[in-house]
């Protein structure tokens, strides 16, 4: 999940060199973590858009969305 990498980068930025004492994701550099975070965020964003569009289309085909109120 992108939250894992975001929290690790946040921890490293707040505590500095002490973050190396934590074994979590210590094998990755800051740049690698940033790349992973960016890649996963883009991937999940695109996946979310396609999932929303598909579900919206199915709901409209089944008549589950009222045209007047969009509910």
PDB file of N, CA and C in Angstrom:
ATOM      1  N   UNK A   1       0.836  -1.188   0.000  1.00  0.00           N
ATOM      2  CA  UNK A   1       0.000   0.000   0.000  1.00  0.00           C
ATOM      3  C   UNK A   1       0.878   1.248   0.000  1.00  0.00           C
ATOM      4  N   UNK A   2       0.449   2.267  -0.705  1.00  0.00           N
ATOM      5  CA  UNK A   2       1.226   3.505  -0.716  1.00  0.00           C
ATOM      6  C   UNK A   2       1.396   4.124   0.667  1.00  0.00           C
ATOM      7  N   UNK A   3       0.476   3.873   1.581  1.00  0.00           N
ATOM      8  CA  UNK A   3       0.575   4.454   2.920  1.00  0.00           C
ATOM      9  C   UNK A   3       1.824   3.956   3.647  1.00  0.00           C
ATOM     10  N   UNK A   4       2.186   2.710   3.442  1.00  0.00           N
ATOM     11  CA  UNK A   4       3.372   2.144   4.086  1.00  0.00           C
ATOM     12  C   UNK A   4       4.618   2.919   3.695  1.00  0.00           C
ATOM     13  N   UNK A   5       4.762   3.180   2.404  1.00  0.00           N
ATOM     14  CA  UNK A   5       5.952   3.874   1.911  1.00  0.00           C
ATOM     15  C   UNK A   5       5.925   5.343   2.303  1.00  0.00           C
ATOM     16  N   UNK A   6       4.733   5.939   2.317  1.00  0.00           N
ATOM     17  CA  UNK A   6       4.611   7.335   2.729  1.00  0.00           C
ATOM     18  C   UNK A   6       5.003   7.488   4.197  1.00  0.00           C
ATOM     19  N   UNK A   7       4.521   6.579   5.041  1.00  0.00           N
ATOM     20  CA  UNK A   7       4.853   6.657   6.464  1.00  0.00           C
ATOM     21  C   UNK A   7       6.347   6.434   6.702  1.00  0.00           C
ATOM     22  N   UNK A   8       6.948   5.528   5.948  1.00  0.00           N
ATOM     23  CA  UNK A   8       8.389   5.293   6.099  1.00  0.00           C
ATOM     24  C   UNK A   8       9.181   6.532   5.696  1.00  0.00           C
ATOM     25  N   UNK A   9       8.797   7.175   4.596  1.00  0.00           N
ATOM     26  CA  UNK A   9       9.479   8.403   4.180  1.00  0.00           C
ATOM     27  C   UNK A   9       9.266   9.517   5.201  1.00  0.00           C
ATOM     28  N   UNK A  10       8.073   9.599   5.766  1.00  0.00           N
ATOM     29  CA  UNK A  10       7.789  10.600   6.789  1.00  0.00           C
ATOM     30  C   UNK A  10       8.636  10.352   8.033  1.00  0.00           C
ATOM     31  N   UNK A  11       8.735   9.101   8.453  1.00  0.00           N
ATOM     32  CA  UNK A  11       9.551   8.763   9.613  1.00  0.00           C
ATOM     33  C   UNK A  11      11.010   9.137   9.367  1.00  0.00           C
ATOM     34  N   UNK A  12      11.518   8.818   8.191  1.00  0.00           N
ATOM     35  CA  UNK A  12      12.913   9.141   7.880  1.00  0.00           C
ATOM     36  C   UNK A  12      13.152  10.645   7.862  1.00  0.00           C
ATOM     37  N   UNK A  13      12.175  11.403   7.382  1.00  0.00           N
ATOM     38  CA  UNK A  13      12.362  12.855   7.330  1.00  0.00           C
ATOM     39  C   UNK A  13      12.285  13.485   8.718  1.00  0.00           C
ATOM     40  N   UNK A  14      11.523  12.888   9.623  1.00  0.00           N
ATOM     41  CA  UNK A  14      11.376  13.458  10.965  1.00  0.00           C
ATOM     42  C   UNK A  14      12.514  13.087  11.911  1.00  0.00           C
ATOM     43  N   UNK A  15      12.969  11.843  11.855  1.00  0.00           N
ATOM     44  CA  UNK A  15      13.980  11.407  12.818  1.00  0.00           C
ATOM     45  C   UNK A  15      15.383  11.319  12.227  1.00  0.00           C
ATOM     46  N   UNK A  16      15.516  11.528  10.946  1.00  0.00           N
ATOM     47  CA  UNK A  16      16.836  11.551  10.324  1.00  0.00           C
ATOM     48  C   UNK A  16      17.546  10.216  10.363  1.00  0.00           C
ATOM     49  N   UNK A  17      18.803  10.230  10.810  1.00  0.00           N
ATOM     50  CA  UNK A  17      19.634   9.036  10.816  1.00  0.00           C
ATOM     51  C   UNK A  17      19.178   7.957  11.770  1.00  0.00           C
ATOM     52  N   UNK A  18      18.369   8.310  12.746  1.00  0.00           N
ATOM     53  CA  UNK A  18      17.865   7.321  13.707  1.00  0.00           C
ATOM     54  C   UNK A  18      16.944   6.321  13.008  1.00  0.00           C
ATOM     55  N   UNK A  19      16.378   6.706  11.880  1.00  0.00           N
ATOM     56  CA  UNK A  19      15.456   5.824  11.157  1.00  0.00           C
ATOM     57  C   UNK A  19      16.138   4.542  10.703  1.00  0.00           C
ATOM     58  N   UNK A  20      17.450   4.551  10.566  1.00  0.00           N
ATOM     59  CA  UNK A  20      18.170   3.346  10.151  1.00  0.00           C
ATOM     60  C   UNK A  20      18.092   2.249  11.211  1.00  0.00           C
ATOM     61  N   UNK A  21      17.785   2.613  12.450  1.00  0.00           N
ATOM     62  CA  UNK A  21      17.656   1.624  13.526  1.00  0.00           C
ATOM     63  C   UNK A  21      16.400   0.775  13.359  1.00  0.00           C
ATOM     64  N   UNK A  22      15.405   1.305  12.645  1.00  0.00           N
ATOM     65  CA  UNK A  22      14.176   0.558  12.404  1.00  0.00           C
ATOM     66  C   UNK A  22      14.406  -0.393  11.228  1.00  0.00           C
ATOM     67  N   UNK A  23      14.107  -1.672  11.388  1.00  0.00           N
ATOM     68  CA  UNK A  23      14.376  -2.625  10.303  1.00  0.00           C
ATOM     69  C   UNK A  23      13.389  -2.530   9.141  1.00  0.00           C
ATOM     70  N   UNK A  24      12.300  -1.817   9.328  1.00  0.00           N
ATOM     71  CA  UNK A  24      11.273  -1.734   8.306  1.00  0.00           C
ATOM     72  C   UNK A  24      11.789  -1.016   7.071  1.00  0.00           C
ATOM     73  N   UNK A  25      11.803  -1.696   5.962  1.00  0.00           N
ATOM     74  CA  UNK A  25      12.195  -1.142   4.663  1.00  0.00           C
ATOM     75  C   UNK A  25      13.581  -0.504   4.679  1.00  0.00           C
ATOM     76  N   UNK A  26      14.472  -0.984   5.522  1.00  0.00           N
ATOM     77  CA  UNK A  26      15.801  -0.381   5.617  1.00  0.00           C
ATOM     78  C   UNK A  26      16.659  -0.688   4.394  1.00  0.00           C
ATOM     79  N   UNK A  27      16.264  -1.654   3.597  1.00  0.00           N
ATOM     80  CA  UNK A  27      17.016  -2.002   2.396  1.00  0.00           C
ATOM     81  C   UNK A  27      16.799  -1.052   1.240  1.00  0.00           C
ATOM     82  N   UNK A  28      15.868  -0.123   1.380  1.00  0.00           N
ATOM     83  CA  UNK A  28      15.554   0.815   0.307  1.00  0.00           C
ATOM     84  C   UNK A  28      16.108   2.196   0.631  1.00  0.00           C
ATOM     85  N   UNK A  29      16.577   2.890  -0.400  1.00  0.00           N
ATOM     86  CA  UNK A  29      17.005   4.275  -0.214  1.00  0.00           C
ATOM     87  C   UNK A  29      15.767   5.174  -0.257  1.00  0.00           C
ATOM     88  N   UNK A  30      15.946   6.432   0.097  1.00  0.00           N
ATOM     89  CA  UNK A  30      14.826   7.374   0.060  1.00  0.00           C
ATOM     90  C   UNK A  30      14.290   7.530  -1.358  1.00  0.00           C
ATOM     91  N   UNK A  31      15.185   7.567  -2.331  1.00  0.00           N
ATOM     92  CA  UNK A  31      14.767   7.727  -3.726  1.00  0.00           C
ATOM     93  C   UNK A  31      13.994   6.500  -4.211  1.00  0.00           C
ATOM     94  N   UNK A  32      14.427   5.317  -3.807  1.00  0.00           N
ATOM     95  CA  UNK A  32      13.705   4.102  -4.183  1.00  0.00           C
ATOM     96  C   UNK A  32      12.310   4.086  -3.562  1.00  0.00           C
ATOM     97  N   UNK A  33      12.217   4.462  -2.302  1.00  0.00           N
ATOM     98  CA  UNK A  33      10.903   4.511  -1.646  1.00  0.00           C
ATOM     99  C   UNK A  33       9.992   5.523  -2.317  1.00  0.00           C
ATOM    100  N   UNK A  34      10.552   6.663  -2.698  1.00  0.00           N
ATOM    101  CA  UNK A  34       9.760   7.684  -3.381  1.00  0.00           C
ATOM    102  C   UNK A  34       9.267   7.170  -4.731  1.00  0.00           C
ATOM    103  N   UNK A  35      10.121   6.446  -5.448  1.00  0.00           N
ATOM    104  CA  UNK A  35       9.724   5.864  -6.730  1.00  0.00           C
ATOM    105  C   UNK A  35       8.630   4.828  -6.572  1.00  0.00           C
ATOM    106  N   UNK A  36       8.763   3.974  -5.565  1.00  0.00           N
ATOM    107  CA  UNK A  36       7.736   2.965  -5.297  1.00  0.00           C
ATOM    108  C   UNK A  36       6.420   3.639  -4.931  1.00  0.00           C
ATOM    109  N   UNK A  37       6.494   4.654  -4.076  1.00  0.00           N
ATOM    110  CA  UNK A  37       5.295   5.386  -3.664  1.00  0.00           C
ATOM    111  C   UNK A  37       4.613   6.035  -4.861  1.00  0.00           C
ATOM    112  N   UNK A  38       5.388   6.674  -5.707  1.00  0.00           N
ATOM    113  CA  UNK A  38       4.831   7.330  -6.893  1.00  0.00           C
ATOM    114  C   UNK A  38       4.206   6.311  -7.838  1.00  0.00           C
ATOM    115  N   UNK A  39       4.919   5.214  -8.095  1.00  0.00           N
ATOM    116  CA  UNK A  39       4.405   4.189  -9.000  1.00  0.00           C
ATOM    117  C   UNK A  39       3.113   3.557  -8.506  1.00  0.00           C
ATOM    118  N   UNK A  40       3.080   3.192  -7.232  1.00  0.00           N
ATOM    119  CA  UNK A  40       1.874   2.577  -6.677  1.00  0.00           C
ATOM    120  C   UNK A  40       0.706   3.558  -6.622  1.00  0.00           C
ATOM    121  N   UNK A  41       0.998   4.820  -6.344  1.00  0.00           N
ATOM    122  CA  UNK A  41      -0.070   5.824  -6.302  1.00  0.00           C
ATOM    123  C   UNK A  41      -0.694   5.998  -7.679  1.00  0.00           C
ATOM    124  N   UNK A  42       0.135   6.043  -8.705  1.00  0.00           N
ATOM    125  CA  UNK A  42      -0.383   6.161 -10.075  1.00  0.00           C
ATOM    126  C   UNK A  42      -1.183   4.918 -10.445  1.00  0.00           C
ATOM    127  N   UNK A  43      -0.643   3.742 -10.120  1.00  0.00           N
ATOM    128  CA  UNK A  43      -1.324   2.486 -10.431  1.00  0.00           C
ATOM    129  C   UNK A  43      -2.687   2.404  -9.751  1.00  0.00           C
ATOM    130  N   UNK A  44      -2.736   2.677  -8.443  1.00  0.00           N
ATOM    131  CA  UNK A  44      -4.008   2.610  -7.723  1.00  0.00           C
ATOM    132  C   UNK A  44      -4.971   3.705  -8.175  1.00  0.00           C
ATOM    133  N   UNK A  45      -4.453   4.858  -8.557  1.00  0.00           N
ATOM    134  CA  UNK A  45      -5.309   5.927  -9.071  1.00  0.00           C
ATOM    135  C   UNK A  45      -5.988   5.523 -10.370  1.00  0.00           C
ATOM    136  N   UNK A  46      -5.211   4.960 -11.292  1.00  0.00           N
ATOM    137  CA  UNK A  46      -5.766   4.507 -12.572  1.00  0.00           C
ATOM    138  C   UNK A  46      -6.753   3.367 -12.352  1.00  0.00           C
ATOM    139  N   UNK A  47      -6.389   2.427 -11.496  1.00  0.00           N
ATOM    140  CA  UNK A  47      -7.282   1.312 -11.186  1.00  0.00           C
ATOM    141  C   UNK A  47      -8.592   1.810 -10.569  1.00  0.00           C
ATOM    142  N   UNK A  48      -8.510   2.803  -9.708  1.00  0.00           N
ATOM    143  CA  UNK A  48      -9.705   3.371  -9.087  1.00  0.00           C
ATOM    144  C   UNK A  48     -10.624   4.049 -10.091  1.00  0.00           C
ATOM    145  N   UNK A  49     -10.034   4.774 -11.040  1.00  0.00           N
ATOM    146  CA  UNK A  49     -10.836   5.451 -12.068  1.00  0.00           C
ATOM    147  C   UNK A  49     -11.567   4.425 -12.927  1.00  0.00           C
ATOM    148  N   UNK A  50     -10.862   3.383 -13.370  1.00  0.00           N
ATOM    149  CA  UNK A  50     -11.503   2.360 -14.195  1.00  0.00           C
ATOM    150  C   UNK A  50     -12.576   1.597 -13.426  1.00  0.00           C
ATOM    151  N   UNK A  51     -12.327   1.298 -12.170  1.00  0.00           N
ATOM    152  CA  UNK A  51     -13.322   0.601 -11.355  1.00  0.00           C
ATOM    153  C   UNK A  51     -14.560   1.466 -11.157  1.00  0.00           C
ATOM    154  N   UNK A  52     -14.364   2.757 -10.884  1.00  0.00           N
ATOM    155  CA  UNK A  52     -15.501   3.653 -10.704  1.00  0.00           C
ATOM    156  C   UNK A  52     -16.319   3.753 -11.985  1.00  0.00           C
ATOM    157  N   UNK A  53     -15.649   3.924 -13.114  1.00  0.00           N
ATOM    158  CA  UNK A  53     -16.370   4.040 -14.393  1.00  0.00           C
ATOM    159  C   UNK A  53     -17.160   2.778 -14.704  1.00  0.00           C
ATOM    160  N   UNK A  54     -16.561   1.623 -14.438  1.00  0.00           N
ATOM    161  CA  UNK A  54     -17.248   0.357 -14.705  1.00  0.00           C
ATOM    162  C   UNK A  54     -18.478   0.212 -13.809  1.00  0.00           C
ATOM    163  N   UNK A  55     -18.326   0.478 -12.538  1.00  0.00           N
ATOM    164  CA  UNK A  55     -19.457   0.369 -11.608  1.00  0.00           C
ATOM    165  C   UNK A  55     -20.540   1.391 -11.929  1.00  0.00           C
ATOM    166  N   UNK A  56     -20.142   2.603 -12.314  1.00  0.00           N
ATOM    167  CA  UNK A  56     -21.110   3.634 -12.679  1.00  0.00           C
ATOM    168  C   UNK A  56     -21.893   3.214 -13.923  1.00  0.00           C
ATOM    169  N   UNK A  57     -21.186   2.651 -14.913  1.00  0.00           N
ATOM    170  CA  UNK A  57     -21.855   2.206 -16.136  1.00  0.00           C
ATOM    171  C   UNK A  57     -22.843   1.085 -15.841  1.00  0.00           C
ATOM    172  N   UNK A  58     -22.439   0.127 -15.009  1.00  0.00           N
ATOM    173  CA  UNK A  58     -23.329  -0.987 -14.665  1.00  0.00           C
ATOM    174  C   UNK A  58     -24.559  -0.480 -13.918  1.00  0.00           C
ATOM    175  N   UNK A  59     -24.373   0.445 -12.999  1.00  0.00           N
ATOM    176  CA  UNK A  59     -25.508   0.994 -12.243  1.00  0.00           C
ATOM    177  C   UNK A  59     -26.462   1.742 -13.161  1.00  0.00           C
ATOM    178  N   UNK A  60     -25.922   2.480 -14.127  1.00  0.00           N
ATOM    179  CA  UNK A  60     -26.795   3.202 -15.063  1.00  0.00           C
ATOM    180  C   UNK A  60     -27.544   2.238 -15.982  1.00  0.00           C
ATOM    181  N   UNK A  61     -26.871   1.163 -16.427  1.00  0.00           N
ATOM    182  CA  UNK A  61     -27.535   0.176 -17.286  1.00  0.00           C
ATOM    183  C   UNK A  61     -28.672  -0.526 -16.555  1.00  0.00           C
ATOM    184  N   UNK A  62     -28.508  -0.756 -15.275  1.00  0.00           N
ATOM    185  CA  UNK A  62     -29.538  -1.430 -14.475  1.00  0.00           C
ATOM    186  C   UNK A  62     -30.605  -0.470 -13.969  1.00  0.00           C
ATOM    187  N   UNK A  63     -30.430   0.810 -14.228  1.00  0.00           N
ATOM    188  CA  UNK A  63     -31.415   1.792 -13.802  1.00  0.00           C
ATOM    189  C   UNK A  63     -31.381   2.090 -12.319  1.00  0.00           C
ATOM    190  N   UNK A  64     -30.230   1.921 -11.709  1.00  0.00           N
ATOM    191  CA  UNK A  64     -30.120   2.139 -10.272  1.00  0.00           C
ATOM    192  C   UNK A  64     -29.831   3.594  -9.913  1.00  0.00           C
ATOM    193  N   UNK A  65     -29.537   4.419 -10.899  1.00  0.00           N
ATOM    194  CA  UNK A  65     -29.257   5.834 -10.643  1.00  0.00           C
ATOM    195  C   UNK A  65     -30.401   6.655 -11.215  1.00  0.00           C
ATOM    196  N   UNK A  66     -31.040   7.431 -10.369  1.00  0.00           N
ATOM    197  CA  UNK A  66     -32.139   8.287 -10.770  1.00  0.00           C
ATOM    198  C   UNK A  66     -31.589   9.452 -11.577  1.00  0.00           C
ATOM    199  N   UNK A  67     -32.142   9.703 -12.746  1.00  0.00           N
ATOM    200  CA  UNK A  67     -31.628  10.770 -13.605  1.00  0.00           C
ATOM    201  C   UNK A  67     -31.880  12.160 -13.035  1.00  0.00           C
ATOM    202  N   UNK A  68     -32.911  12.313 -12.254  1.00  0.00           N
ATOM    203  CA  UNK A  68     -33.228  13.624 -11.706  1.00  0.00           C
ATOM    204  C   UNK A  68     -32.316  13.982 -10.536  1.00  0.00           C
ATOM    205  N   UNK A  69     -32.144  13.070  -9.622  1.00  0.00           N
ATOM    206  CA  UNK A  69     -31.370  13.371  -8.415  1.00  0.00           C
ATOM    207  C   UNK A  69     -29.948  12.820  -8.445  1.00  0.00           C
ATOM    208  N   UNK A  70     -29.629  11.962  -9.431  1.00  0.00           N
ATOM    209  CA  UNK A  70     -28.330  11.283  -9.508  1.00  0.00           C
ATOM    210  C   UNK A  70     -28.025  10.482  -8.252  1.00  0.00           C
ATOM    211  N   UNK A  71     -29.066   9.960  -7.630  1.00  0.00           N
ATOM    212  CA  UNK A  71     -28.876   9.133  -6.441  1.00  0.00           C
ATOM    213  C   UNK A  71     -29.383   7.742  -6.701  1.00  0.00           C
TER     214      UNK A  71
END
